[in-house]
Amino acid sequence: MNIHPRFPSSLLLTAALFSFSALFACSSTYYTAMEKVGIHKRDILVDRVEGARDAQTRAQEEFSSALEKFSSVVELEETDLKAAYEKMRDAYDRSKERAEEVSERIDSVESVAGALFAEWEDELSLYENAKLRRSSEQKLDATRRQYEKMLAKMRDAEEKMEPVLQTFQDNVLYLKHNLNAQAIGALRTEFASLRGQIDTLIEKMNSSIQASNAFIAELQ
């Protein structure tokens, strides 16, 4: 977990709590405990958006690497089919792990954002000064709109990972079940489609990463 640069250095001790964050991600107890040591929902949200952004960057790199390995297999006229299968299987497994990390990170962003916006909205009723309340409400609405746009881009990119992984899996299984020269020939026809899917996925992820950066800048 990357601690936000605004966190006091003494709070690095709280990094140990990260391993338990999945247990408390939806719990007000967790957020209350973090606030007691100076880490507020806003800070946690920024940190988790950064984590989701970085996970998407890693996923981009892994999918691109997998595509290169796929290409190296299908473009060879002669190849060790067992080695080709193992290379493609490993590339698929790593891509799947990165995709799962992206989904988990996005879920964690959505969890803390829901808690943050609910708290912000509840606290509007505590204002005595109507002008300040209206200003805060406008800021809430603007932040929520930007967040929703960012989340939509994250989810859009996330959805594009599944068909890519499914295509990878189909081809890995096909090669496993048909370890012969005809299998490589058949996979060549799938390669152009897969390249197009990954190009679209990377484009969607770039859009999501840009939205994440804009949202982080807005909160800081």
C-alpha atoms as a PDB file:
ATOM      1  CA  MET A   1       0.000   0.000   0.000  1.00  0.00           C
ATOM      2  CA  ASN A   2       1.364   3.399  -0.927  1.00  0.00           C
ATOM      3  CA  ILE A   3       0.882   5.776   1.986  1.00  0.00           C
ATOM      4  CA  HIS A   4      -0.275   9.165   0.750  1.00  0.00           C
ATOM      5  CA  PRO A   5       2.543  11.760   0.976  1.00  0.00           C
ATOM      6  CA  ARG A   6       0.426  13.904   3.290  1.00  0.00           C
ATOM      7  CA  PHE A   7       0.457  11.188   5.952  1.00  0.00           C
ATOM      8  CA  PRO A   8       2.818  11.820   8.923  1.00  0.00           C
ATOM      9  CA  SER A   9       5.807   9.499   8.891  1.00  0.00           C
ATOM     10  CA  SER A  10       4.781   8.067  12.259  1.00  0.00           C
ATOM     11  CA  LEU A  11       1.690   6.675  10.587  1.00  0.00           C
ATOM     12  CA  LEU A  12       3.787   4.263   8.553  1.00  0.00           C
ATOM     13  CA  LEU A  13       3.254   1.930  11.490  1.00  0.00           C
ATOM     14  CA  THR A  14      -0.350   1.621  10.392  1.00  0.00           C
ATOM     15  CA  ALA A  15       0.766  -0.109   7.194  1.00  0.00           C
ATOM     16  CA  ALA A  16       0.416  -3.376   9.070  1.00  0.00           C
ATOM     17  CA  LEU A  17      -3.313  -2.763   9.082  1.00  0.00           C
ATOM     18  CA  PHE A  18      -3.413  -3.180   5.317  1.00  0.00           C
ATOM     19  CA  SER A  19      -3.368  -6.966   5.527  1.00  0.00           C
ATOM     20  CA  PHE A  20      -6.584  -6.775   7.501  1.00  0.00           C
ATOM     21  CA  SER A  21      -8.258  -4.079   5.398  1.00  0.00           C
ATOM     22  CA  ALA A  22     -10.257  -6.584   3.382  1.00  0.00           C
ATOM     23  CA  LEU A  23     -11.968  -7.682   6.597  1.00  0.00           C
ATOM     24  CA  PHE A  24     -13.008  -4.148   7.478  1.00  0.00           C
ATOM     25  CA  ALA A  25     -13.349  -2.422   4.100  1.00  0.00           C
ATOM     26  CA  CYS A  26     -17.121  -2.065   4.474  1.00  0.00           C
ATOM     27  CA  SER A  27     -17.072  -1.445   8.216  1.00  0.00           C
ATOM     28  CA  SER A  28     -17.454   1.928   9.864  1.00  0.00           C
ATOM     29  CA  THR A  29     -15.304   0.480  12.661  1.00  0.00           C
ATOM     30  CA  TYR A  30     -12.344   0.330  10.297  1.00  0.00           C
ATOM     31  CA  TYR A  31     -12.730   3.934   9.157  1.00  0.00           C
ATOM     32  CA  THR A  32     -13.231   5.125  12.734  1.00  0.00           C
ATOM     33  CA  ALA A  33     -10.055   3.346  13.813  1.00  0.00           C
ATOM     34  CA  MET A  34      -8.079   4.880  10.956  1.00  0.00           C
ATOM     35  CA  GLU A  35      -9.398   8.368  11.743  1.00  0.00           C
ATOM     36  CA  LYS A  36      -8.170   8.005  15.324  1.00  0.00           C
ATOM     37  CA  VAL A  37      -4.617   7.754  13.990  1.00  0.00           C
ATOM     38  CA  GLY A  38      -5.093  10.681  11.609  1.00  0.00           C
ATOM     39  CA  ILE A  39      -6.018   8.854   8.403  1.00  0.00           C
ATOM     40  CA  HIS A  40      -9.389  10.045   7.123  1.00  0.00           C
ATOM     41  CA  LYS A  41     -11.716   8.610   4.488  1.00  0.00           C
ATOM     42  CA  ARG A  42     -10.553  11.220   2.007  1.00  0.00           C
ATOM     43  CA  ASP A  43      -6.939  10.059   2.461  1.00  0.00           C
ATOM     44  CA  ILE A  44      -7.942   6.415   2.162  1.00  0.00           C
ATOM     45  CA  LEU A  45      -9.925   7.159  -0.995  1.00  0.00           C
ATOM     46  CA  VAL A  46      -6.958   8.923  -2.617  1.00  0.00           C
ATOM     47  CA  ASP A  47      -4.682   6.041  -1.656  1.00  0.00           C
ATOM     48  CA  ARG A  48      -7.074   3.433  -3.043  1.00  0.00           C
ATOM     49  CA  VAL A  49      -7.636   5.322  -6.288  1.00  0.00           C
ATOM     50  CA  GLU A  50      -3.868   5.467  -6.687  1.00  0.00           C
ATOM     51  CA  GLY A  51      -3.741   1.721  -6.006  1.00  0.00           C
ATOM     52  CA  ALA A  52      -6.424   1.001  -8.621  1.00  0.00           C
ATOM     53  CA  ARG A  53      -4.651   3.229 -11.146  1.00  0.00           C
ATOM     54  CA  ASP A  54      -1.323   1.467 -10.555  1.00  0.00           C
ATOM     55  CA  ALA A  55      -2.997  -1.957 -10.767  1.00  0.00           C
ATOM     56  CA  GLN A  56      -4.438  -1.020 -14.152  1.00  0.00           C
ATOM     57  CA  THR A  57      -0.999   0.075 -15.326  1.00  0.00           C
ATOM     58  CA  ARG A  58       0.443  -3.286 -14.271  1.00  0.00           C
ATOM     59  CA  ALA A  59      -2.427  -5.093 -15.996  1.00  0.00           C
ATOM     60  CA  GLN A  60      -1.762  -3.144 -19.210  1.00  0.00           C
ATOM     61  CA  GLU A  61       1.858  -4.231 -19.126  1.00  0.00           C
ATOM     62  CA  GLU A  62       0.942  -7.853 -18.437  1.00  0.00           C
ATOM     63  CA  PHE A  63      -1.643  -8.043 -21.227  1.00  0.00           C
ATOM     64  CA  SER A  64       0.792  -6.437 -23.685  1.00  0.00           C
ATOM     65  CA  SER A  65       3.479  -8.905 -22.639  1.00  0.00           C
ATOM     66  CA  ALA A  66       1.057 -11.797 -23.054  1.00  0.00           C
ATOM     67  CA  LEU A  67       0.180 -10.599 -26.549  1.00  0.00           C
ATOM     68  CA  GLU A  68       3.867 -10.517 -27.485  1.00  0.00           C
ATOM     69  CA  LYS A  69       4.306 -14.084 -26.232  1.00  0.00           C
ATOM     70  CA  PHE A  70       1.208 -15.191 -28.112  1.00  0.00           C
ATOM     71  CA  SER A  71       2.639 -13.562 -31.245  1.00  0.00           C
ATOM     72  CA  SER A  72       5.994 -15.291 -30.809  1.00  0.00           C
ATOM     73  CA  VAL A  73       4.214 -18.644 -30.655  1.00  0.00           C
ATOM     74  CA  VAL A  74       1.837 -18.320 -33.610  1.00  0.00           C
ATOM     75  CA  GLU A  75       4.297 -16.651 -35.992  1.00  0.00           C
ATOM     76  CA  LEU A  76       6.903 -19.413 -35.842  1.00  0.00           C
ATOM     77  CA  GLU A  77       6.716 -22.040 -38.544  1.00  0.00           C
ATOM     78  CA  GLU A  78       8.436 -24.580 -36.342  1.00  0.00           C
ATOM     79  CA  THR A  79       8.117 -24.512 -32.591  1.00  0.00           C
ATOM     80  CA  ASP A  80       8.274 -26.748 -29.553  1.00  0.00           C
ATOM     81  CA  LEU A  81       4.554 -27.145 -28.964  1.00  0.00           C
ATOM     82  CA  LYS A  82       4.872 -28.137 -25.318  1.00  0.00           C
ATOM     83  CA  ALA A  83       7.087 -25.115 -24.626  1.00  0.00           C
ATOM     84  CA  ALA A  84       4.661 -22.921 -26.592  1.00  0.00           C
ATOM     85  CA  TYR A  85       1.759 -24.147 -24.481  1.00  0.00           C
ATOM     86  CA  GLU A  86       3.632 -23.512 -21.239  1.00  0.00           C
ATOM     87  CA  LYS A  87       4.590 -19.998 -22.351  1.00  0.00           C
ATOM     88  CA  MET A  88       1.006 -19.132 -23.267  1.00  0.00           C
ATOM     89  CA  ARG A  89      -0.406 -20.719 -20.116  1.00  0.00           C
ATOM     90  CA  ASP A  90       1.983 -18.745 -17.908  1.00  0.00           C
ATOM     91  CA  ALA A  91       1.126 -15.522 -19.744  1.00  0.00           C
ATOM     92  CA  TYR A  92      -2.590 -16.210 -19.280  1.00  0.00           C
ATOM     93  CA  ASP A  93      -2.164 -16.979 -15.569  1.00  0.00           C
ATOM     94  CA  ARG A  94      -0.266 -13.736 -14.930  1.00  0.00           C
ATOM     95  CA  SER A  95      -2.791 -11.707 -16.918  1.00  0.00           C
ATOM     96  CA  LYS A  96      -5.635 -13.248 -14.942  1.00  0.00           C
ATOM     97  CA  GLU A  97      -3.920 -12.395 -11.647  1.00  0.00           C
ATOM     98  CA  ARG A  98      -3.488  -8.776 -12.737  1.00  0.00           C
ATOM     99  CA  ALA A  99      -7.123  -8.597 -13.817  1.00  0.00           C
ATOM    100  CA  GLU A 100      -8.263  -9.903 -10.431  1.00  0.00           C
ATOM    101  CA  GLU A 101      -6.066  -7.324  -8.687  1.00  0.00           C
ATOM    102  CA  VAL A 102      -7.680  -4.539 -10.732  1.00  0.00           C
ATOM    103  CA  SER A 103     -11.175  -5.710  -9.757  1.00  0.00           C
ATOM    104  CA  GLU A 104     -10.254  -5.920  -6.074  1.00  0.00           C
ATOM    105  CA  ARG A 105      -8.752  -2.428  -6.146  1.00  0.00           C
ATOM    106  CA  ILE A 106     -11.822  -0.948  -7.815  1.00  0.00           C
ATOM    107  CA  ASP A 107     -14.077  -2.623  -5.246  1.00  0.00           C
ATOM    108  CA  SER A 108     -12.000  -1.081  -2.443  1.00  0.00           C
ATOM    109  CA  VAL A 109     -12.298   2.368  -4.047  1.00  0.00           C
ATOM    110  CA  GLU A 110     -16.068   2.010  -4.293  1.00  0.00           C
ATOM    111  CA  SER A 111     -16.310   0.925  -0.659  1.00  0.00           C
ATOM    112  CA  VAL A 112     -14.518   3.901   0.865  1.00  0.00           C
ATOM    113  CA  ALA A 113     -16.089   6.380  -1.575  1.00  0.00           C
ATOM    114  CA  GLY A 114     -19.559   5.274  -0.490  1.00  0.00           C
ATOM    115  CA  ALA A 115     -18.651   5.810   3.154  1.00  0.00           C
ATOM    116  CA  LEU A 116     -17.031   9.185   2.433  1.00  0.00           C
ATOM    117  CA  PHE A 117     -19.960  10.592   0.470  1.00  0.00           C
ATOM    118  CA  ALA A 118     -22.514   9.300   2.999  1.00  0.00           C
ATOM    119  CA  GLU A 119     -20.621  10.983   5.845  1.00  0.00           C
ATOM    120  CA  TRP A 120     -20.213  14.212   3.874  1.00  0.00           C
ATOM    121  CA  GLU A 121     -23.923  14.331   3.079  1.00  0.00           C
ATOM    122  CA  ASP A 122     -24.940  13.605   6.682  1.00  0.00           C
ATOM    123  CA  GLU A 123     -22.679  16.354   7.996  1.00  0.00           C
ATOM    124  CA  LEU A 124     -24.273  19.019   5.796  1.00  0.00           C
ATOM    125  CA  SER A 125     -27.132  19.171   8.303  1.00  0.00           C
ATOM    126  CA  LEU A 126     -24.664  20.213  11.023  1.00  0.00           C
ATOM    127  CA  TYR A 127     -23.934  23.593   9.416  1.00  0.00           C
ATOM    128  CA  GLU A 128     -25.415  26.707  10.982  1.00  0.00           C
ATOM    129  CA  ASN A 129     -24.057  28.967   8.246  1.00  0.00           C
ATOM    130  CA  ALA A 130     -26.272  28.512   5.176  1.00  0.00           C
ATOM    131  CA  LYS A 131     -23.671  29.953   2.798  1.00  0.00           C
ATOM    132  CA  LEU A 132     -20.996  27.535   3.944  1.00  0.00           C
ATOM    133  CA  ARG A 133     -23.464  24.658   3.772  1.00  0.00           C
ATOM    134  CA  ARG A 134     -24.389  25.489   0.160  1.00  0.00           C
ATOM    135  CA  SER A 135     -20.724  25.774  -0.766  1.00  0.00           C
ATOM    136  CA  SER A 136     -19.950  22.402   0.802  1.00  0.00           C
ATOM    137  CA  GLU A 137     -22.984  20.826  -0.871  1.00  0.00           C
ATOM    138  CA  GLN A 138     -21.885  22.129  -4.260  1.00  0.00           C
ATOM    139  CA  LYS A 139     -18.403  20.756  -3.648  1.00  0.00           C
ATOM    140  CA  LEU A 140     -19.900  17.403  -2.688  1.00  0.00           C
ATOM    141  CA  ASP A 141     -21.992  17.290  -5.862  1.00  0.00           C
ATOM    142  CA  ALA A 142     -19.023  18.222  -8.054  1.00  0.00           C
ATOM    143  CA  THR A 143     -16.729  15.674  -6.379  1.00  0.00           C
ATOM    144  CA  ARG A 144     -19.351  12.946  -6.617  1.00  0.00           C
ATOM    145  CA  ARG A 145     -19.933  13.634 -10.318  1.00  0.00           C
ATOM    146  CA  GLN A 146     -16.226  13.453 -11.054  1.00  0.00           C
ATOM    147  CA  TYR A 147     -15.930  10.293  -8.968  1.00  0.00           C
ATOM    148  CA  GLU A 148     -18.827   8.642 -10.811  1.00  0.00           C
ATOM    149  CA  LYS A 149     -17.241   9.431 -14.172  1.00  0.00           C
ATOM    150  CA  MET A 150     -13.948   7.965 -12.983  1.00  0.00           C
ATOM    151  CA  LEU A 151     -15.628   4.853 -11.582  1.00  0.00           C
ATOM    152  CA  ALA A 152     -17.559   4.329 -14.815  1.00  0.00           C
ATOM    153  CA  LYS A 153     -14.289   4.387 -16.766  1.00  0.00           C
ATOM    154  CA  MET A 154     -12.719   1.974 -14.296  1.00  0.00           C
ATOM    155  CA  ARG A 155     -15.623  -0.445 -14.604  1.00  0.00           C
ATOM    156  CA  ASP A 156     -15.658  -0.080 -18.384  1.00  0.00           C
ATOM    157  CA  ALA A 157     -11.988  -1.034 -18.582  1.00  0.00           C
ATOM    158  CA  GLU A 158     -12.596  -3.856 -16.095  1.00  0.00           C
ATOM    159  CA  GLU A 159     -15.356  -5.298 -18.281  1.00  0.00           C
ATOM    160  CA  LYS A 160     -13.050  -5.314 -21.300  1.00  0.00           C
ATOM    161  CA  MET A 161     -10.613  -7.598 -19.478  1.00  0.00           C
ATOM    162  CA  GLU A 162     -13.025 -10.535 -19.307  1.00  0.00           C
ATOM    163  CA  PRO A 163     -13.412 -11.198 -23.066  1.00  0.00           C
ATOM    164  CA  VAL A 164      -9.650 -10.864 -23.504  1.00  0.00           C
ATOM    165  CA  LEU A 165      -9.029 -13.401 -20.739  1.00  0.00           C
ATOM    166  CA  GLN A 166     -11.668 -15.699 -22.207  1.00  0.00           C
ATOM    167  CA  THR A 167      -9.978 -15.583 -25.605  1.00  0.00           C
ATOM    168  CA  PHE A 168      -6.626 -16.289 -23.971  1.00  0.00           C
ATOM    169  CA  GLN A 169      -8.087 -19.206 -22.044  1.00  0.00           C
ATOM    170  CA  ASP A 170      -9.769 -20.688 -25.119  1.00  0.00           C
ATOM    171  CA  ASN A 171      -6.538 -20.604 -27.075  1.00  0.00           C
ATOM    172  CA  VAL A 172      -4.431 -21.976 -24.240  1.00  0.00           C
ATOM    173  CA  LEU A 173      -6.883 -24.848 -23.785  1.00  0.00           C
ATOM    174  CA  TYR A 174      -6.989 -25.493 -27.523  1.00  0.00           C
ATOM    175  CA  LEU A 175      -3.220 -25.723 -27.664  1.00  0.00           C
ATOM    176  CA  LYS A 176      -3.175 -27.986 -24.608  1.00  0.00           C
ATOM    177  CA  HIS A 177      -5.700 -30.347 -26.152  1.00  0.00           C
ATOM    178  CA  ASN A 178      -4.139 -30.287 -29.624  1.00  0.00           C
ATOM    179  CA  LEU A 179      -0.394 -30.363 -29.246  1.00  0.00           C
ATOM    180  CA  ASN A 180       0.307 -30.622 -32.944  1.00  0.00           C
ATOM    181  CA  ALA A 181       1.218 -28.386 -35.869  1.00  0.00           C
ATOM    182  CA  GLN A 182      -2.438 -27.905 -36.844  1.00  0.00           C
ATOM    183  CA  ALA A 183      -3.103 -26.291 -33.481  1.00  0.00           C
ATOM    184  CA  ILE A 184      -0.609 -23.506 -34.165  1.00  0.00           C
ATOM    185  CA  GLY A 185      -2.117 -22.940 -37.587  1.00  0.00           C
ATOM    186  CA  ALA A 186      -5.605 -22.609 -36.105  1.00  0.00           C
ATOM    187  CA  LEU A 187      -4.399 -20.155 -33.467  1.00  0.00           C
ATOM    188  CA  ARG A 188      -3.026 -17.836 -36.130  1.00  0.00           C
ATOM    189  CA  THR A 189      -6.571 -17.042 -37.204  1.00  0.00           C
ATOM    190  CA  GLU A 190      -7.398 -15.974 -33.633  1.00  0.00           C
ATOM    191  CA  PHE A 191      -4.404 -13.695 -33.234  1.00  0.00           C
ATOM    192  CA  ALA A 192      -5.755 -10.681 -35.136  1.00  0.00           C
ATOM    193  CA  SER A 193      -8.954 -10.706 -33.087  1.00  0.00           C
ATOM    194  CA  LEU A 194      -7.029 -10.963 -29.840  1.00  0.00           C
ATOM    195  CA  ARG A 195      -4.742  -8.084 -30.805  1.00  0.00           C
ATOM    196  CA  GLY A 196      -7.799  -5.928 -31.481  1.00  0.00           C
ATOM    197  CA  GLN A 197      -9.323  -6.831 -28.115  1.00  0.00           C
ATOM    198  CA  ILE A 198      -6.135  -5.955 -26.243  1.00  0.00           C
ATOM    199  CA  ASP A 199      -5.710  -2.687 -28.130  1.00  0.00           C
ATOM    200  CA  THR A 200      -9.249  -1.715 -27.087  1.00  0.00           C
ATOM    201  CA  LEU A 201      -8.589  -2.806 -23.501  1.00  0.00           C
ATOM    202  CA  ILE A 202      -5.423  -0.706 -23.265  1.00  0.00           C
ATOM    203  CA  GLU A 203      -7.247   2.306 -24.709  1.00  0.00           C
ATOM    204  CA  LYS A 204     -10.003   1.937 -22.083  1.00  0.00           C
ATOM    205  CA  MET A 205      -7.437   1.560 -19.313  1.00  0.00           C
ATOM    206  CA  ASN A 206      -5.591   4.676 -20.450  1.00  0.00           C
ATOM    207  CA  SER A 207      -8.851   6.605 -20.258  1.00  0.00           C
ATOM    208  CA  SER A 208      -9.510   5.224 -16.778  1.00  0.00           C
ATOM    209  CA  ILE A 209      -5.979   6.063 -15.588  1.00  0.00           C
ATOM    210  CA  GLN A 210      -6.341   9.637 -16.837  1.00  0.00           C
ATOM    211  CA  ALA A 211      -9.670   9.973 -15.019  1.00  0.00           C
ATOM    212  CA  SER A 212      -8.053   8.612 -11.849  1.00  0.00           C
ATOM    213  CA  ASN A 213      -5.256  11.154 -12.036  1.00  0.00           C
ATOM    214  CA  ALA A 214      -7.748  13.985 -12.514  1.00  0.00           C
ATOM    215  CA  PHE A 215      -9.812  12.808  -9.529  1.00  0.00           C
ATOM    216  CA  ILE A 216      -6.721  12.520  -7.303  1.00  0.00           C
ATOM    217  CA  ALA A 217      -5.676  16.044  -8.299  1.00  0.00           C
ATOM    218  CA  GLU A 218      -9.155  17.312  -7.411  1.00  0.00           C
ATOM    219  CA  LEU A 219      -9.026  15.799  -3.930  1.00  0.00           C
ATOM    220  CA  GLN A 220      -5.513  16.910  -3.090  1.00  0.00           C
END
